[in-house]
C-alpha atoms as a PDB file:
ATOM      1  CA  MET A   1      11.807  -2.153 -22.988  1.00  0.00           C
ATOM      2  CA  ALA A   2       8.953  -4.351 -21.775  1.00  0.00           C
ATOM      3  CA  GLU A   3       5.442  -3.022 -22.204  1.00  0.00           C
ATOM      4  CA  LYS A   4       3.755  -1.416 -19.207  1.00  0.00           C
ATOM      5  CA  GLN A   5       0.530  -3.090 -18.090  1.00  0.00           C
ATOM      6  CA  LYS A   6      -2.060  -1.278 -15.969  1.00  0.00           C
ATOM      7  CA  ILE A   7      -3.270  -3.226 -12.929  1.00  0.00           C
ATOM      8  CA  GLU A   8      -6.679  -2.316 -11.586  1.00  0.00           C
ATOM      9  CA  THR A   9      -9.191  -3.816  -9.152  1.00  0.00           C
ATOM     10  CA  LYS A  10     -12.457  -2.706  -7.599  1.00  0.00           C
ATOM     11  CA  SER A  11     -11.347  -4.489  -4.398  1.00  0.00           C
ATOM     12  CA  ALA A  12      -9.140  -1.492  -3.618  1.00  0.00           C
ATOM     13  CA  PRO A  13      -9.893   2.235  -3.826  1.00  0.00           C
ATOM     14  CA  GLY A  14      -9.654   3.725  -7.284  1.00  0.00           C
ATOM     15  CA  ALA A  15      -7.083   6.341  -8.134  1.00  0.00           C
ATOM     16  CA  ILE A  16      -8.016   9.871  -7.054  1.00  0.00           C
ATOM     17  CA  GLY A  17      -5.771  11.488  -9.628  1.00  0.00           C
ATOM     18  CA  PRO A  18      -3.954  10.843 -12.907  1.00  0.00           C
ATOM     19  CA  TYR A  19      -2.236   7.611 -11.860  1.00  0.00           C
ATOM     20  CA  SER A  20      -2.825   3.845 -11.898  1.00  0.00           C
ATOM     21  CA  GLN A  21      -3.391   1.611  -8.887  1.00  0.00           C
ATOM     22  CA  ALA A  22      -0.371  -0.327 -10.116  1.00  0.00           C
ATOM     23  CA  ILE A  23       1.830  -0.850 -13.151  1.00  0.00           C
ATOM     24  CA  LYS A  24       3.401  -4.159 -14.111  1.00  0.00           C
ATOM     25  CA  LEU A  25       6.662  -3.962 -16.032  1.00  0.00           C
ATOM     26  CA  GLY A  26       8.355  -7.270 -16.738  1.00  0.00           C
ATOM     27  CA  ASN A  27       8.417  -9.212 -13.488  1.00  0.00           C
ATOM     28  CA  LEU A  28       7.982  -6.120 -11.301  1.00  0.00           C
ATOM     29  CA  VAL A  29       4.751  -4.555 -10.035  1.00  0.00           C
ATOM     30  CA  PHE A  30       4.774  -0.984  -8.746  1.00  0.00           C
ATOM     31  CA  ILE A  31       1.774  -0.357  -6.472  1.00  0.00           C
ATOM     32  CA  SER A  32       0.790   3.284  -5.942  1.00  0.00           C
ATOM     33  CA  GLY A  33       0.508   4.613  -2.419  1.00  0.00           C
ATOM     34  CA  GLN A  34      -2.556   3.314  -0.607  1.00  0.00           C
ATOM     35  CA  VAL A  35      -4.334   5.078   2.221  1.00  0.00           C
ATOM     36  CA  GLY A  36      -6.977   3.699   4.582  1.00  0.00           C
ATOM     37  CA  PHE A  37      -9.980   4.058   2.280  1.00  0.00           C
ATOM     38  CA  ASP A  38     -12.534   1.284   2.594  1.00  0.00           C
ATOM     39  CA  PRO A  39     -13.298   0.458  -1.069  1.00  0.00           C
ATOM     40  CA  ALA A  40     -16.915  -0.491  -0.226  1.00  0.00           C
ATOM     41  CA  SER A  41     -17.875   2.645   1.691  1.00  0.00           C
ATOM     42  CA  LYS A  42     -15.375   4.933  -0.089  1.00  0.00           C
ATOM     43  CA  GLU A  43     -14.668   6.411   3.363  1.00  0.00           C
ATOM     44  CA  LEU A  44     -11.399   6.806   5.219  1.00  0.00           C
ATOM     45  CA  VAL A  45     -11.501   4.488   8.235  1.00  0.00           C
ATOM     46  CA  ALA A  46     -10.808   6.070  11.624  1.00  0.00           C
ATOM     47  CA  GLY A  47      -7.592   5.806  13.629  1.00  0.00           C
ATOM     48  CA  ILE A  48      -4.033   4.709  12.924  1.00  0.00           C
ATOM     49  CA  GLU A  49      -4.625   1.009  13.623  1.00  0.00           C
ATOM     50  CA  ALA A  50      -7.715   0.755  11.395  1.00  0.00           C
ATOM     51  CA  GLN A  51      -6.106   2.824   8.645  1.00  0.00           C
ATOM     52  CA  THR A  52      -2.936   0.724   8.667  1.00  0.00           C
ATOM     53  CA  ARG A  53      -4.929  -2.524   8.504  1.00  0.00           C
ATOM     54  CA  GLN A  54      -6.986  -1.105   5.621  1.00  0.00           C
ATOM     55  CA  VAL A  55      -3.847   0.046   3.790  1.00  0.00           C
ATOM     56  CA  PHE A  56      -2.431  -3.487   3.892  1.00  0.00           C
ATOM     57  CA  ALA A  57      -5.788  -4.913   2.763  1.00  0.00           C
ATOM     58  CA  ASN A  58      -5.783  -2.470  -0.165  1.00  0.00           C
ATOM     59  CA  LEU A  59      -2.191  -3.345  -1.062  1.00  0.00           C
ATOM     60  CA  ALA A  60      -3.068  -7.057  -0.894  1.00  0.00           C
ATOM     61  CA  ALA A  61      -6.057  -6.550  -3.214  1.00  0.00           C
ATOM     62  CA  VAL A  62      -3.927  -4.767  -5.811  1.00  0.00           C
ATOM     63  CA  ALA A  63      -1.207  -7.414  -5.471  1.00  0.00           C
ATOM     64  CA  GLU A  64      -3.828 -10.117  -6.058  1.00  0.00           C
ATOM     65  CA  ALA A  65      -5.055  -8.312  -9.186  1.00  0.00           C
ATOM     66  CA  ALA A  66      -1.449  -8.511 -10.419  1.00  0.00           C
ATOM     67  CA  GLY A  67      -1.302 -12.263  -9.729  1.00  0.00           C
ATOM     68  CA  ALA A  68       0.758 -11.889  -6.569  1.00  0.00           C
ATOM     69  CA  THR A  69       0.496 -11.565  -2.794  1.00  0.00           C
ATOM     70  CA  LEU A  70       2.075  -9.254  -0.258  1.00  0.00           C
ATOM     71  CA  GLN A  71       4.775 -11.921   0.169  1.00  0.00           C
ATOM     72  CA  ASN A  72       6.038 -10.834  -3.272  1.00  0.00           C
ATOM     73  CA  ALA A  73       6.876  -7.387  -1.880  1.00  0.00           C
ATOM     74  CA  VAL A  74      10.553  -6.508  -2.102  1.00  0.00           C
ATOM     75  CA  LYS A  75      10.282  -2.819  -1.107  1.00  0.00           C
ATOM     76  CA  LEU A  76       7.814  -0.708   0.851  1.00  0.00           C
ATOM     77  CA  THR A  77       7.786   2.992   1.517  1.00  0.00           C
ATOM     78  CA  ILE A  78       5.700   3.990   4.509  1.00  0.00           C
ATOM     79  CA  TYR A  79       4.614   7.584   5.030  1.00  0.00           C
ATOM     80  CA  VAL A  80       3.178   8.595   8.412  1.00  0.00           C
ATOM     81  CA  ASN A  81       2.103  11.990   9.628  1.00  0.00           C
ATOM     82  CA  ASP A  82       3.454  11.174  13.107  1.00  0.00           C
ATOM     83  CA  LEU A  83       6.437   8.900  13.827  1.00  0.00           C
ATOM     84  CA  GLY A  84       4.826   8.371  17.224  1.00  0.00           C
ATOM     85  CA  ASN A  85       2.639   5.862  15.344  1.00  0.00           C
ATOM     86  CA  PHE A  86       5.698   3.924  14.144  1.00  0.00           C
ATOM     87  CA  GLN A  87       5.283   1.045  16.626  1.00  0.00           C
ATOM     88  CA  THR A  88       1.618   0.498  15.720  1.00  0.00           C
ATOM     89  CA  VAL A  89       2.402   0.472  11.996  1.00  0.00           C
ATOM     90  CA  ASN A  90       5.352  -1.869  12.635  1.00  0.00           C
ATOM     91  CA  GLU A  91       3.215  -4.352  14.591  1.00  0.00           C
ATOM     92  CA  ILE A  92       0.546  -4.466  11.890  1.00  0.00           C
ATOM     93  CA  MET A  93       3.167  -4.812   9.157  1.00  0.00           C
ATOM     94  CA  ALA A  94       4.640  -7.814  11.000  1.00  0.00           C
ATOM     95  CA  GLN A  95       1.191  -9.457  10.922  1.00  0.00           C
ATOM     96  CA  ASN A  96       1.075  -9.124   7.113  1.00  0.00           C
ATOM     97  CA  PHE A  97       4.550 -10.418   6.200  1.00  0.00           C
ATOM     98  CA  SER A  98       6.915 -13.219   7.036  1.00  0.00           C
ATOM     99  CA  GLU A  99      10.686 -13.517   6.723  1.00  0.00           C
ATOM    100  CA  PRO A 100      12.398 -12.360   4.670  1.00  0.00           C
ATOM    101  CA  TYR A 101      10.658  -9.034   5.175  1.00  0.00           C
ATOM    102  CA  PRO A 102      10.716  -6.524   2.319  1.00  0.00           C
ATOM    103  CA  ALA A 103      13.196  -3.678   2.367  1.00  0.00           C
ATOM    104  CA  ARG A 104      11.540  -0.557   3.735  1.00  0.00           C
ATOM    105  CA  ALA A 105      11.771   3.152   4.381  1.00  0.00           C
ATOM    106  CA  THR A 106       9.543   4.974   6.854  1.00  0.00           C
ATOM    107  CA  ILE A 107       9.172   8.712   6.484  1.00  0.00           C
ATOM    108  CA  GLU A 108       7.303  11.263   8.580  1.00  0.00           C
ATOM    109  CA  VAL A 109       5.491  13.805   6.420  1.00  0.00           C
ATOM    110  CA  SER A 110       3.561  16.933   7.328  1.00  0.00           C
ATOM    111  CA  LYS A 111       0.385  15.916   5.522  1.00  0.00           C
ATOM    112  CA  LEU A 112      -1.050  13.051   3.484  1.00  0.00           C
ATOM    113  CA  PRO A 113      -3.889  13.025   0.938  1.00  0.00           C
ATOM    114  CA  VAL A 114      -7.405  13.219   2.454  1.00  0.00           C
ATOM    115  CA  ASP A 115      -5.804  13.771   5.876  1.00  0.00           C
ATOM    116  CA  ALA A 116      -4.811  10.108   6.097  1.00  0.00           C
ATOM    117  CA  LEU A 117      -2.530   9.070   8.945  1.00  0.00           C
ATOM    118  CA  VAL A 118      -0.519   6.536   6.898  1.00  0.00           C
ATOM    119  CA  GLU A 119       0.177   5.785   3.242  1.00  0.00           C
ATOM    120  CA  ILE A 120       2.198   2.867   1.885  1.00  0.00           C
ATOM    121  CA  ASP A 121       3.429   2.028  -1.600  1.00  0.00           C
ATOM    122  CA  ALA A 122       5.058  -1.226  -2.674  1.00  0.00           C
ATOM    123  CA  ILE A 123       7.218  -2.871  -5.284  1.00  0.00           C
ATOM    124  CA  LEU A 124       6.556  -6.560  -5.932  1.00  0.00           C
ATOM    125  CA  ALA A 125       8.728  -9.098  -7.736  1.00  0.00           C
ATOM    126  CA  LEU A 126       6.845 -11.879  -9.531  1.00  0.00           C
END
């Protein structure tokens, strides 16, 4: 088995538990779920639109630390606390990707860490 490599950047929020921002294994990068924390202020930004934009910025920063971009994403899992926000999240996702879009699942959950409105994790192929 290939050796796991920890990916870490100060351009995205640090882990708030016993996990890594991302792990690279072979030509795959597994990015942990990101919420709308601004890494500079260490504050959760307000509102679904701002949080979603910040989530994609955080994912992009971790991808860059792994030597990739969001265009390397092959799978996303999106967690929202209200599927009523699905269209907003969809529109912002479309601004961050081009065809072929990554595979994706979107799941409504009852609660997210730090009362975030959206969390997204990603798998990248290098």
